[in-house]
Amino acid sequence: MASPQTPSKMSAPIDMARVRQLFADPARIAASDFLRREIASRMFDRLSLVKTAPQRVLDAGCGSGVDIAQLQKQYPAAQVLGLDAVPAMLAAASGATQSPRSFLSRLLPAKAGIDLVAGDFGQLPLGPNSVDLVWSNLALHWHSQPDRVFQEWRRVLRVDGLLMFSNFGPDTFIELRAAFAAMDETPHTLPFVDMHDFGDQLVEAGFTTPVMDMEKITVTYDSAGALLADVRAFGGNPLATRRRGLVGRAAWQRMLDALEAGRRSDGKLGLTFEVIYGHAFRPAPKTTAAGESIVRFQPQNRPPRPE
């Protein structure tokens, strides 16, 4: 993992303490679970195309734990680790999963069942080469240094281990950003990273054959109030550069008017979500720890020698 002194190439001014605060009330976040469940379903469809029988699975940024239960169902012989930085989310995950255990040691061998652990998925409390599958659903964009997260995920994956993740892309909340621009110049949404930048960073972090794809999902609303309520339920604004003072009534009305001006032909307000999906594998090392090249000899099928 990169040292703390090394500048992150994709760092965003995200206040990580603010992220934990925004997710401290699972009931407030629950209203947005409809999209998380839909994205998870599409991720599981992709996962079903990969032949793998993991012994240990990590759900990085597990939230309330719904994906954990599905992963354990899909891989009943595996140990599934649910990791989140927010204690309240882990408490919710404990209630959503059947008899989760406390994760006591990174050195414990994999044992079928569910374990929950608090931690930053950019600094995992796991040893190297300890996980066969890293799964992360709509969590990566909440981390201020996603490129370092990729390095950490590669560290804990075993050779040929699989990384599968989803996150929001740059066109997410595009309607809302345009409306807020009519109010002031302060950023009100996250600067979501482009799919191609993530692909480059996966390669730089040491993953092989990364596959990235994207789709846009539009959710419609009858009112601006309902739209804004869902945006808040998706997390809110954790930027360190966010506006701290109160918004005046006139400025807020300018934002609402701009939002209303974007009503669709069916009379609905639309909110775009650009969803990025990615998966990649950890390849076998090409050099030893001392820097020496590793040469592998592949057996060839040769005809038998004549007697």
C-alpha atoms as a PDB file:
ATOM      1  CA  MET A   1       0.000   0.000   0.000  1.00  0.00           C
ATOM      2  CA  ALA A   2       1.260   3.476  -0.816  1.00  0.00           C
ATOM      3  CA  SER A   3       2.740   5.393   2.085  1.00  0.00           C
ATOM      4  CA  PRO A   4       0.631   8.206   3.566  1.00  0.00           C
ATOM      5  CA  GLN A   5       3.201  10.714   2.284  1.00  0.00           C
ATOM      6  CA  THR A   6       2.699   9.690  -1.349  1.00  0.00           C
ATOM      7  CA  PRO A   7       0.057  11.906  -2.971  1.00  0.00           C
ATOM      8  CA  SER A   8      -2.958   9.986  -4.208  1.00  0.00           C
ATOM      9  CA  LYS A   9      -3.524  10.364  -7.940  1.00  0.00           C
ATOM     10  CA  MET A  10      -7.291  10.353  -7.648  1.00  0.00           C
ATOM     11  CA  SER A  11      -7.848  11.921  -4.266  1.00  0.00           C
ATOM     12  CA  ALA A  12     -10.982  14.006  -3.788  1.00  0.00           C
ATOM     13  CA  PRO A  13     -11.594  16.513  -0.977  1.00  0.00           C
ATOM     14  CA  ILE A  14     -13.815  14.043   0.863  1.00  0.00           C
ATOM     15  CA  ASP A  15     -14.082  14.443   4.621  1.00  0.00           C
ATOM     16  CA  MET A  16     -13.993  10.818   5.796  1.00  0.00           C
ATOM     17  CA  ALA A  17     -15.284  11.740   9.254  1.00  0.00           C
ATOM     18  CA  ARG A  18     -18.220  13.417   7.526  1.00  0.00           C
ATOM     19  CA  VAL A  19     -18.872  10.232   5.516  1.00  0.00           C
ATOM     20  CA  ARG A  20     -19.116   8.212   8.731  1.00  0.00           C
ATOM     21  CA  GLN A  21     -21.438  10.827  10.169  1.00  0.00           C
ATOM     22  CA  LEU A  22     -23.710  10.773   7.106  1.00  0.00           C
ATOM     23  CA  PHE A  23     -24.072   6.985   7.318  1.00  0.00           C
ATOM     24  CA  ALA A  24     -24.470   6.845  11.098  1.00  0.00           C
ATOM     25  CA  ASP A  25     -28.269   6.497  10.825  1.00  0.00           C
ATOM     26  CA  PRO A  26     -29.118   3.361   8.792  1.00  0.00           C
ATOM     27  CA  ALA A  27     -32.817   4.250   8.831  1.00  0.00           C
ATOM     28  CA  ARG A  28     -32.075   7.472   6.925  1.00  0.00           C
ATOM     29  CA  ILE A  29     -30.083   5.569   4.311  1.00  0.00           C
ATOM     30  CA  ALA A  30     -32.651   2.776   3.927  1.00  0.00           C
ATOM     31  CA  ALA A  31     -34.861   4.861   1.628  1.00  0.00           C
ATOM     32  CA  SER A  32     -32.234   4.559  -1.114  1.00  0.00           C
ATOM     33  CA  ASP A  33     -31.820   0.789  -0.838  1.00  0.00           C
ATOM     34  CA  PHE A  34     -34.032   0.210  -3.872  1.00  0.00           C
ATOM     35  CA  LEU A  35     -31.176   1.207  -6.183  1.00  0.00           C
ATOM     36  CA  ARG A  36     -28.513  -0.637  -4.209  1.00  0.00           C
ATOM     37  CA  ARG A  37     -30.568  -3.817  -4.461  1.00  0.00           C
ATOM     38  CA  GLU A  38     -31.005  -3.347  -8.202  1.00  0.00           C
ATOM     39  CA  ILE A  39     -27.277  -2.768  -8.739  1.00  0.00           C
ATOM     40  CA  ALA A  40     -26.430  -5.752  -6.519  1.00  0.00           C
ATOM     41  CA  SER A  41     -28.734  -7.935  -8.607  1.00  0.00           C
ATOM     42  CA  ARG A  42     -26.926  -6.887 -11.774  1.00  0.00           C
ATOM     43  CA  MET A  43     -23.557  -7.526 -10.122  1.00  0.00           C
ATOM     44  CA  PHE A  44     -24.628 -11.017  -9.087  1.00  0.00           C
ATOM     45  CA  ASP A  45     -25.678 -11.694 -12.693  1.00  0.00           C
ATOM     46  CA  ARG A  46     -22.134 -10.804 -13.746  1.00  0.00           C
ATOM     47  CA  LEU A  47     -20.622 -12.850 -10.932  1.00  0.00           C
ATOM     48  CA  SER A  48     -22.567 -15.935 -12.014  1.00  0.00           C
ATOM     49  CA  LEU A  49     -20.582 -15.912 -15.284  1.00  0.00           C
ATOM     50  CA  VAL A  50     -17.277 -16.354 -13.402  1.00  0.00           C
ATOM     51  CA  LYS A  51     -16.337 -19.848 -12.294  1.00  0.00           C
ATOM     52  CA  THR A  52     -14.998 -19.457  -8.767  1.00  0.00           C
ATOM     53  CA  ALA A  53     -15.286 -21.295  -5.464  1.00  0.00           C
ATOM     54  CA  PRO A  54     -13.886 -18.839  -2.910  1.00  0.00           C
ATOM     55  CA  GLN A  55     -12.936 -19.881   0.589  1.00  0.00           C
ATOM     56  CA  ARG A  56     -12.996 -16.308   1.911  1.00  0.00           C
ATOM     57  CA  VAL A  57     -15.067 -13.424   0.541  1.00  0.00           C
ATOM     58  CA  LEU A  58     -14.761  -9.779   1.576  1.00  0.00           C
ATOM     59  CA  ASP A  59     -17.690  -7.366   1.229  1.00  0.00           C
ATOM     60  CA  ALA A  60     -15.862  -4.021   1.403  1.00  0.00           C
ATOM     61  CA  GLY A  61     -18.245  -1.301   2.539  1.00  0.00           C
ATOM     62  CA  CYS A  62     -20.961  -3.786   3.425  1.00  0.00           C
ATOM     63  CA  GLY A  63     -23.434  -1.253   4.827  1.00  0.00           C
ATOM     64  CA  SER A  64     -26.503  -2.896   6.312  1.00  0.00           C
ATOM     65  CA  GLY A  65     -25.362  -6.344   5.194  1.00  0.00           C
ATOM     66  CA  VAL A  66     -27.896  -7.374   2.565  1.00  0.00           C
ATOM     67  CA  ASP A  67     -25.189  -8.382   0.075  1.00  0.00           C
ATOM     68  CA  ILE A  68     -23.417 -10.395   2.781  1.00  0.00           C
ATOM     69  CA  ALA A  69     -26.394 -12.707   3.149  1.00  0.00           C
ATOM     70  CA  GLN A  70     -26.612 -13.196  -0.605  1.00  0.00           C
ATOM     71  CA  LEU A  71     -22.876 -13.891  -0.907  1.00  0.00           C
ATOM     72  CA  GLN A  72     -23.086 -16.479   1.872  1.00  0.00           C
ATOM     73  CA  LYS A  73     -26.043 -18.086   0.124  1.00  0.00           C
ATOM     74  CA  GLN A  74     -24.149 -18.210  -3.161  1.00  0.00           C
ATOM     75  CA  TYR A  75     -20.994 -19.586  -1.533  1.00  0.00           C
ATOM     76  CA  PRO A  76     -22.217 -21.605   1.499  1.00  0.00           C
ATOM     77  CA  ALA A  77     -18.791 -23.158   2.126  1.00  0.00           C
ATOM     78  CA  ALA A  78     -17.061 -19.755   2.290  1.00  0.00           C
ATOM     79  CA  GLN A  79     -16.281 -17.405   5.123  1.00  0.00           C
ATOM     80  CA  VAL A  80     -17.865 -14.047   4.244  1.00  0.00           C
ATOM     81  CA  LEU A  81     -16.348 -10.979   5.892  1.00  0.00           C
ATOM     82  CA  GLY A  82     -18.460  -7.845   6.034  1.00  0.00           C
ATOM     83  CA  LEU A  83     -16.389  -4.708   6.575  1.00  0.00           C
ATOM     84  CA  ASP A  84     -17.639  -1.185   7.148  1.00  0.00           C
ATOM     85  CA  ALA A  85     -16.260   1.945   8.808  1.00  0.00           C
ATOM     86  CA  VAL A  86     -19.578   2.868  10.455  1.00  0.00           C
ATOM     87  CA  PRO A  87     -20.469   0.961  13.670  1.00  0.00           C
ATOM     88  CA  ALA A  88     -24.193   1.620  13.214  1.00  0.00           C
ATOM     89  CA  MET A  89     -24.083  -0.016   9.782  1.00  0.00           C
ATOM     90  CA  LEU A  90     -22.355  -3.064  11.210  1.00  0.00           C
ATOM     91  CA  ALA A  91     -25.025  -3.251  13.905  1.00  0.00           C
ATOM     92  CA  ALA A  92     -27.654  -3.216  11.166  1.00  0.00           C
ATOM     93  CA  ALA A  93     -25.707  -5.886   9.279  1.00  0.00           C
ATOM     94  CA  SER A  94     -25.634  -8.009  12.416  1.00  0.00           C
ATOM     95  CA  GLY A  95     -29.419  -7.953  12.455  1.00  0.00           C
ATOM     96  CA  ALA A  96     -29.697  -8.626   8.721  1.00  0.00           C
ATOM     97  CA  THR A  97     -27.477 -11.721   8.728  1.00  0.00           C
ATOM     98  CA  GLN A  98     -27.963 -14.995  10.562  1.00  0.00           C
ATOM     99  CA  SER A  99     -25.744 -15.427  13.626  1.00  0.00           C
ATOM    100  CA  PRO A 100     -22.732 -13.357  12.515  1.00  0.00           C
ATOM    101  CA  ARG A 101     -19.559 -13.936  14.508  1.00  0.00           C
ATOM    102  CA  SER A 102     -17.076 -11.382  15.768  1.00  0.00           C
ATOM    103  CA  PHE A 103     -13.967 -11.274  13.616  1.00  0.00           C
ATOM    104  CA  LEU A 104     -11.183 -11.717  16.170  1.00  0.00           C
ATOM    105  CA  SER A 105      -7.971 -12.197  14.218  1.00  0.00           C
ATOM    106  CA  ARG A 106      -6.686 -11.623  10.732  1.00  0.00           C
ATOM    107  CA  LEU A 107      -4.718 -14.863  11.129  1.00  0.00           C
ATOM    108  CA  LEU A 108      -7.693 -17.151  11.689  1.00  0.00           C
ATOM    109  CA  PRO A 109      -8.204 -19.708   8.915  1.00  0.00           C
ATOM    110  CA  ALA A 110     -11.283 -19.300   6.771  1.00  0.00           C
ATOM    111  CA  LYS A 111     -14.326 -20.905   8.376  1.00  0.00           C
ATOM    112  CA  ALA A 112     -17.710 -21.061   6.676  1.00  0.00           C
ATOM    113  CA  GLY A 113     -20.111 -18.450   7.990  1.00  0.00           C
ATOM    114  CA  ILE A 114     -20.366 -14.676   8.365  1.00  0.00           C
ATOM    115  CA  ASP A 115     -17.997 -12.390  10.245  1.00  0.00           C
ATOM    116  CA  LEU A 116     -18.245  -8.621  10.670  1.00  0.00           C
ATOM    117  CA  VAL A 117     -15.334  -6.247  11.206  1.00  0.00           C
ATOM    118  CA  ALA A 118     -15.027  -2.469  11.520  1.00  0.00           C
ATOM    119  CA  GLY A 119     -12.403  -0.821   9.359  1.00  0.00           C
ATOM    120  CA  ASP A 120     -11.409   1.353   6.446  1.00  0.00           C
ATOM    121  CA  PHE A 121     -11.436  -0.590   3.189  1.00  0.00           C
ATOM    122  CA  GLY A 122      -8.434   1.458   2.122  1.00  0.00           C
ATOM    123  CA  GLN A 123      -6.484   0.027   5.081  1.00  0.00           C
ATOM    124  CA  LEU A 124      -7.811  -3.455   5.644  1.00  0.00           C
ATOM    125  CA  PRO A 125      -7.248  -5.371   8.903  1.00  0.00           C
ATOM    126  CA  LEU A 126      -6.364  -8.453   6.862  1.00  0.00           C
ATOM    127  CA  GLY A 127      -3.108 -10.123   5.968  1.00  0.00           C
ATOM    128  CA  PRO A 128      -1.785 -10.373   2.412  1.00  0.00           C
ATOM    129  CA  ASN A 129      -3.091 -13.136   0.146  1.00  0.00           C
ATOM    130  CA  SER A 130      -5.983 -13.855   2.503  1.00  0.00           C
ATOM    131  CA  VAL A 131      -9.102 -13.341   0.361  1.00  0.00           C
ATOM    132  CA  ASP A 132     -10.363 -15.044  -2.805  1.00  0.00           C
ATOM    133  CA  LEU A 133     -13.082 -12.540  -3.747  1.00  0.00           C
ATOM    134  CA  VAL A 134     -13.420  -8.842  -2.967  1.00  0.00           C
ATOM    135  CA  TRP A 135     -16.943  -7.514  -3.513  1.00  0.00           C
ATOM    136  CA  SER A 136     -17.888  -3.844  -3.144  1.00  0.00           C
ATOM    137  CA  ASN A 137     -21.277  -2.419  -4.083  1.00  0.00           C
ATOM    138  CA  LEU A 138     -21.652   1.383  -4.438  1.00  0.00           C
ATOM    139  CA  ALA A 139     -19.030   2.114  -1.786  1.00  0.00           C
ATOM    140  CA  LEU A 140     -15.814   3.077  -3.594  1.00  0.00           C
ATOM    141  CA  HIS A 141     -16.909   6.633  -4.468  1.00  0.00           C
ATOM    142  CA  TRP A 142     -17.175   7.445  -0.751  1.00  0.00           C
ATOM    143  CA  HIS A 143     -13.433   7.000  -0.244  1.00  0.00           C
ATOM    144  CA  SER A 144     -11.109   9.962  -0.689  1.00  0.00           C
ATOM    145  CA  GLN A 145      -8.316   7.862  -2.235  1.00  0.00           C
ATOM    146  CA  PRO A 146      -9.758   5.145  -4.484  1.00  0.00           C
ATOM    147  CA  ASP A 147      -6.425   4.385  -6.172  1.00  0.00           C
ATOM    148  CA  ARG A 148      -4.972   3.423  -2.786  1.00  0.00           C
ATOM    149  CA  VAL A 149      -8.062   1.315  -2.144  1.00  0.00           C
ATOM    150  CA  PHE A 150      -7.264  -0.648  -5.315  1.00  0.00           C
ATOM    151  CA  GLN A 151      -3.713  -1.239  -4.064  1.00  0.00           C
ATOM    152  CA  GLU A 152      -5.050  -2.498  -0.749  1.00  0.00           C
ATOM    153  CA  TRP A 153      -7.617  -4.766  -2.363  1.00  0.00           C
ATOM    154  CA  ARG A 154      -4.897  -6.287  -4.517  1.00  0.00           C
ATOM    155  CA  ARG A 155      -2.730  -6.821  -1.439  1.00  0.00           C
ATOM    156  CA  VAL A 156      -5.300  -8.984   0.336  1.00  0.00           C
ATOM    157  CA  LEU A 157      -6.354 -10.950  -2.739  1.00  0.00           C
ATOM    158  CA  ARG A 158      -4.760 -14.295  -3.432  1.00  0.00           C
ATOM    159  CA  VAL A 159      -3.282 -15.061  -6.855  1.00  0.00           C
ATOM    160  CA  ASP A 160      -6.130 -15.423  -9.361  1.00  0.00           C
ATOM    161  CA  GLY A 161      -8.468 -13.814  -6.807  1.00  0.00           C
ATOM    162  CA  LEU A 162     -11.338 -11.756  -8.195  1.00  0.00           C
ATOM    163  CA  LEU A 163     -12.282  -8.146  -7.544  1.00  0.00           C
ATOM    164  CA  MET A 164     -15.840  -7.114  -8.403  1.00  0.00           C
ATOM    165  CA  PHE A 165     -17.176  -3.645  -7.635  1.00  0.00           C
ATOM    166  CA  SER A 166     -19.676  -0.982  -8.625  1.00  0.00           C
ATOM    167  CA  ASN A 167     -19.729   2.755  -8.038  1.00  0.00           C
ATOM    168  CA  PHE A 168     -21.247   5.947  -9.408  1.00  0.00           C
ATOM    169  CA  GLY A 169     -19.721   7.704 -12.417  1.00  0.00           C
ATOM    170  CA  PRO A 170     -19.457  11.396 -13.421  1.00  0.00           C
ATOM    171  CA  ASP A 171     -22.954  11.785 -14.896  1.00  0.00           C
ATOM    172  CA  THR A 172     -24.614  10.779 -11.620  1.00  0.00           C
ATOM    173  CA  PHE A 173     -26.847  13.613 -10.326  1.00  0.00           C
ATOM    174  CA  ILE A 174     -26.166  15.632 -13.494  1.00  0.00           C
ATOM    175  CA  GLU A 175     -29.599  17.289 -13.245  1.00  0.00           C
ATOM    176  CA  LEU A 176     -28.993  18.213  -9.633  1.00  0.00           C
ATOM    177  CA  ARG A 177     -25.560  19.681 -10.347  1.00  0.00           C
ATOM    178  CA  ALA A 178     -27.055  21.891 -13.048  1.00  0.00           C
ATOM    179  CA  ALA A 179     -29.767  23.069 -10.675  1.00  0.00           C
ATOM    180  CA  PHE A 180     -27.318  23.828  -7.855  1.00  0.00           C
ATOM    181  CA  ALA A 181     -25.178  25.810 -10.310  1.00  0.00           C
ATOM    182  CA  ALA A 182     -28.078  28.279 -10.509  1.00  0.00           C
ATOM    183  CA  MET A 183     -27.801  28.757  -6.753  1.00  0.00           C
ATOM    184  CA  ASP A 184     -24.051  29.162  -6.147  1.00  0.00           C
ATOM    185  CA  GLU A 185     -20.627  27.942  -7.257  1.00  0.00           C
ATOM    186  CA  THR A 186     -20.060  25.647  -4.283  1.00  0.00           C
ATOM    187  CA  PRO A 187     -19.838  21.909  -5.128  1.00  0.00           C
ATOM    188  CA  HIS A 188     -22.862  20.048  -3.783  1.00  0.00           C
ATOM    189  CA  THR A 189     -22.167  16.557  -5.162  1.00  0.00           C
ATOM    190  CA  LEU A 190     -19.165  14.249  -5.275  1.00  0.00           C
ATOM    191  CA  PRO A 191     -16.715  14.531  -8.209  1.00  0.00           C
ATOM    192  CA  PHE A 192     -17.315  10.951  -9.342  1.00  0.00           C
ATOM    193  CA  VAL A 193     -14.369   9.337 -11.163  1.00  0.00           C
ATOM    194  CA  ASP A 194     -14.532   8.365 -14.832  1.00  0.00           C
ATOM    195  CA  MET A 195     -14.675   4.681 -15.769  1.00  0.00           C
ATOM    196  CA  HIS A 196     -11.516   4.866 -17.900  1.00  0.00           C
ATOM    197  CA  ASP A 197      -9.517   6.395 -15.042  1.00  0.00           C
ATOM    198  CA  PHE A 198     -10.541   3.485 -12.844  1.00  0.00           C
ATOM    199  CA  GLY A 199      -9.449   1.021 -15.527  1.00  0.00           C
ATOM    200  CA  ASP A 200      -6.029   2.676 -15.722  1.00  0.00           C
ATOM    201  CA  GLN A 201      -5.678   2.630 -11.953  1.00  0.00           C
ATOM    202  CA  LEU A 202      -6.569  -1.069 -11.750  1.00  0.00           C
ATOM    203  CA  VAL A 203      -3.708  -1.849 -14.123  1.00  0.00           C
ATOM    204  CA  GLU A 204      -1.332   0.423 -12.233  1.00  0.00           C
ATOM    205  CA  ALA A 205      -2.310  -1.244  -8.951  1.00  0.00           C
ATOM    206  CA  GLY A 206      -1.309  -4.615 -10.397  1.00  0.00           C
ATOM    207  CA  PHE A 207      -4.598  -6.150 -11.545  1.00  0.00           C
ATOM    208  CA  THR A 208      -4.872  -7.998 -14.822  1.00  0.00           C
ATOM    209  CA  THR A 209      -7.572  -8.154 -17.503  1.00  0.00           C
ATOM    210  CA  PRO A 210      -9.761  -5.430 -15.959  1.00  0.00           C
ATOM    211  CA  VAL A 211     -13.199  -5.201 -17.502  1.00  0.00           C
ATOM    212  CA  MET A 212     -15.151  -1.968 -17.085  1.00  0.00           C
ATOM    213  CA  ASP A 213     -18.628  -1.178 -18.319  1.00  0.00           C
ATOM    214  CA  MET A 214     -21.216   1.464 -17.600  1.00  0.00           C
ATOM    215  CA  GLU A 215     -24.940   2.049 -17.828  1.00  0.00           C
ATOM    216  CA  LYS A 216     -27.218   4.935 -16.983  1.00  0.00           C
ATOM    217  CA  ILE A 217     -30.329   4.488 -14.888  1.00  0.00           C
ATOM    218  CA  THR A 218     -32.893   7.270 -14.602  1.00  0.00           C
ATOM    219  CA  VAL A 219     -35.194   7.420 -11.585  1.00  0.00           C
ATOM    220  CA  THR A 220     -38.244   9.662 -11.902  1.00  0.00           C
ATOM    221  CA  TYR A 221     -40.059  11.704  -9.263  1.00  0.00           C
ATOM    222  CA  ASP A 222     -43.277  13.641  -9.016  1.00  0.00           C
ATOM    223  CA  SER A 223     -41.808  16.385  -6.846  1.00  0.00           C
ATOM    224  CA  ALA A 224     -38.508  18.095  -6.155  1.00  0.00           C
ATOM    225  CA  GLY A 225     -38.949  17.281  -2.470  1.00  0.00           C
ATOM    226  CA  ALA A 226     -39.066  13.541  -3.163  1.00  0.00           C
ATOM    227  CA  LEU A 227     -36.025  13.762  -5.428  1.00  0.00           C
ATOM    228  CA  LEU A 228     -33.979  15.678  -2.863  1.00  0.00           C
ATOM    229  CA  ALA A 229     -35.024  13.269  -0.096  1.00  0.00           C
ATOM    230  CA  ASP A 230     -33.593  10.358  -2.086  1.00  0.00           C
ATOM    231  CA  VAL A 231     -30.392  12.271  -2.769  1.00  0.00           C
ATOM    232  CA  ARG A 232     -29.971  12.793   0.962  1.00  0.00           C
ATOM    233  CA  ALA A 233     -30.716   9.107   1.533  1.00  0.00           C
ATOM    234  CA  PHE A 234     -27.904   8.168  -0.852  1.00  0.00           C
ATOM    235  CA  GLY A 235     -25.534   9.847   1.581  1.00  0.00           C
ATOM    236  CA  GLY A 236     -25.419  13.563   1.000  1.00  0.00           C
ATOM    237  CA  ASN A 237     -22.438  15.863   0.567  1.00  0.00           C
ATOM    238  CA  PRO A 238     -19.232  14.805   2.385  1.00  0.00           C
ATOM    239  CA  LEU A 239     -16.910  17.245   0.607  1.00  0.00           C
ATOM    240  CA  ALA A 240     -14.531  19.213   2.799  1.00  0.00           C
ATOM    241  CA  THR A 241     -15.219  22.118   0.413  1.00  0.00           C
ATOM    242  CA  ARG A 242     -18.980  21.968   0.952  1.00  0.00           C
ATOM    243  CA  ARG A 243     -20.911  25.101   1.898  1.00  0.00           C
ATOM    244  CA  ARG A 244     -21.126  25.485   5.663  1.00  0.00           C
ATOM    245  CA  GLY A 245     -23.519  28.437   6.021  1.00  0.00           C
ATOM    246  CA  LEU A 246     -27.274  28.528   5.554  1.00  0.00           C
ATOM    247  CA  VAL A 247     -28.723  28.988   2.075  1.00  0.00           C
ATOM    248  CA  GLY A 248     -30.935  32.016   1.609  1.00  0.00           C
ATOM    249  CA  ARG A 249     -34.541  31.580   0.551  1.00  0.00           C
ATOM    250  CA  ALA A 250     -34.022  33.308  -2.810  1.00  0.00           C
ATOM    251  CA  ALA A 251     -30.971  31.202  -3.660  1.00  0.00           C
ATOM    252  CA  TRP A 252     -32.796  27.976  -2.731  1.00  0.00           C
ATOM    253  CA  GLN A 253     -35.720  28.998  -4.902  1.00  0.00           C
ATOM    254  CA  ARG A 254     -33.372  29.548  -7.861  1.00  0.00           C
ATOM    255  CA  MET A 255     -32.193  25.974  -7.453  1.00  0.00           C
ATOM    256  CA  LEU A 256     -35.751  24.629  -7.274  1.00  0.00           C
ATOM    257  CA  ASP A 257     -36.779  26.652 -10.323  1.00  0.00           C
ATOM    258  CA  ALA A 258     -33.833  25.293 -12.294  1.00  0.00           C
ATOM    259  CA  LEU A 259     -34.761  21.763 -11.238  1.00  0.00           C
ATOM    260  CA  GLU A 260     -38.390  22.278 -12.248  1.00  0.00           C
ATOM    261  CA  ALA A 261     -37.287  23.641 -15.627  1.00  0.00           C
ATOM    262  CA  GLY A 262     -35.864  20.207 -16.392  1.00  0.00           C
ATOM    263  CA  ARG A 263     -39.160  18.323 -16.125  1.00  0.00           C
ATOM    264  CA  ARG A 264     -39.515  15.622 -18.761  1.00  0.00           C
ATOM    265  CA  SER A 265     -42.225  15.392 -21.385  1.00  0.00           C
ATOM    266  CA  ASP A 266     -44.139  13.000 -19.108  1.00  0.00           C
ATOM    267  CA  GLY A 267     -44.177  15.644 -16.363  1.00  0.00           C
ATOM    268  CA  LYS A 268     -41.698  13.801 -14.156  1.00  0.00           C
ATOM    269  CA  LEU A 269     -38.427  15.015 -12.709  1.00  0.00           C
ATOM    270  CA  GLY A 270     -35.556  12.738 -13.715  1.00  0.00           C
ATOM    271  CA  LEU A 271     -32.425  11.908 -11.737  1.00  0.00           C
ATOM    272  CA  THR A 272     -29.604  10.166 -13.588  1.00  0.00           C
ATOM    273  CA  PHE A 273     -27.316   7.549 -12.061  1.00  0.00           C
ATOM    274  CA  GLU A 274     -24.259   6.557 -14.063  1.00  0.00           C
ATOM    275  CA  VAL A 275     -23.352   3.141 -12.705  1.00  0.00           C
ATOM    276  CA  ILE A 276     -19.864   1.776 -13.324  1.00  0.00           C
ATOM    277  CA  TYR A 277     -19.168  -1.949 -13.010  1.00  0.00           C
ATOM    278  CA  GLY A 278     -15.661  -3.348 -12.833  1.00  0.00           C
ATOM    279  CA  HIS A 279     -13.971  -6.644 -12.301  1.00  0.00           C
ATOM    280  CA  ALA A 280     -10.347  -7.767 -12.471  1.00  0.00           C
ATOM    281  CA  PHE A 281      -8.054 -10.530 -11.264  1.00  0.00           C
ATOM    282  CA  ARG A 282      -4.856 -10.553  -9.270  1.00  0.00           C
ATOM    283  CA  PRO A 283      -2.205 -12.161 -11.480  1.00  0.00           C
ATOM    284  CA  ALA A 284       0.658 -14.384 -10.406  1.00  0.00           C
ATOM    285  CA  PRO A 285       3.773 -12.362  -9.515  1.00  0.00           C
ATOM    286  CA  LYS A 286       6.452 -11.928 -12.193  1.00  0.00           C
ATOM    287  CA  THR A 287       9.299 -11.295  -9.746  1.00  0.00           C
ATOM    288  CA  THR A 288      10.310 -12.544  -6.317  1.00  0.00           C
ATOM    289  CA  ALA A 289      10.415 -10.321  -3.240  1.00  0.00           C
ATOM    290  CA  ALA A 290      14.123  -9.816  -4.006  1.00  0.00           C
ATOM    291  CA  GLY A 291      13.283  -8.568  -7.496  1.00  0.00           C
ATOM    292  CA  GLU A 292      14.363 -11.703  -9.357  1.00  0.00           C
ATOM    293  CA  SER A 293      12.317 -12.765 -12.368  1.00  0.00           C
ATOM    294  CA  ILE A 294      10.088 -15.802 -12.005  1.00  0.00           C
ATOM    295  CA  VAL A 295      10.234 -18.170 -14.974  1.00  0.00           C
ATOM    296  CA  ARG A 296       7.381 -20.626 -15.397  1.00  0.00           C
ATOM    297  CA  PHE A 297       7.645 -23.629 -17.684  1.00  0.00           C
ATOM    298  CA  GLN A 298       4.403 -24.777 -19.265  1.00  0.00           C
ATOM    299  CA  PRO A 299       4.305 -28.507 -20.106  1.00  0.00           C
ATOM    300  CA  GLN A 300       3.709 -29.230 -23.774  1.00  0.00           C
ATOM    301  CA  ASN A 301       1.821 -32.168 -25.228  1.00  0.00           C
ATOM    302  CA  ARG A 302       4.380 -34.178 -27.151  1.00  0.00           C
ATOM    303  CA  PRO A 303       3.829 -37.390 -29.124  1.00  0.00           C
ATOM    304  CA  PRO A 304       5.140 -40.517 -27.399  1.00  0.00           C
ATOM    305  CA  ARG A 305       8.613 -41.667 -28.387  1.00  0.00           C
ATOM    306  CA  PRO A 306       8.723 -44.729 -30.626  1.00  0.00           C
ATOM    307  CA  GLU A 307       9.782 -47.952 -28.879  1.00  0.00           C
END
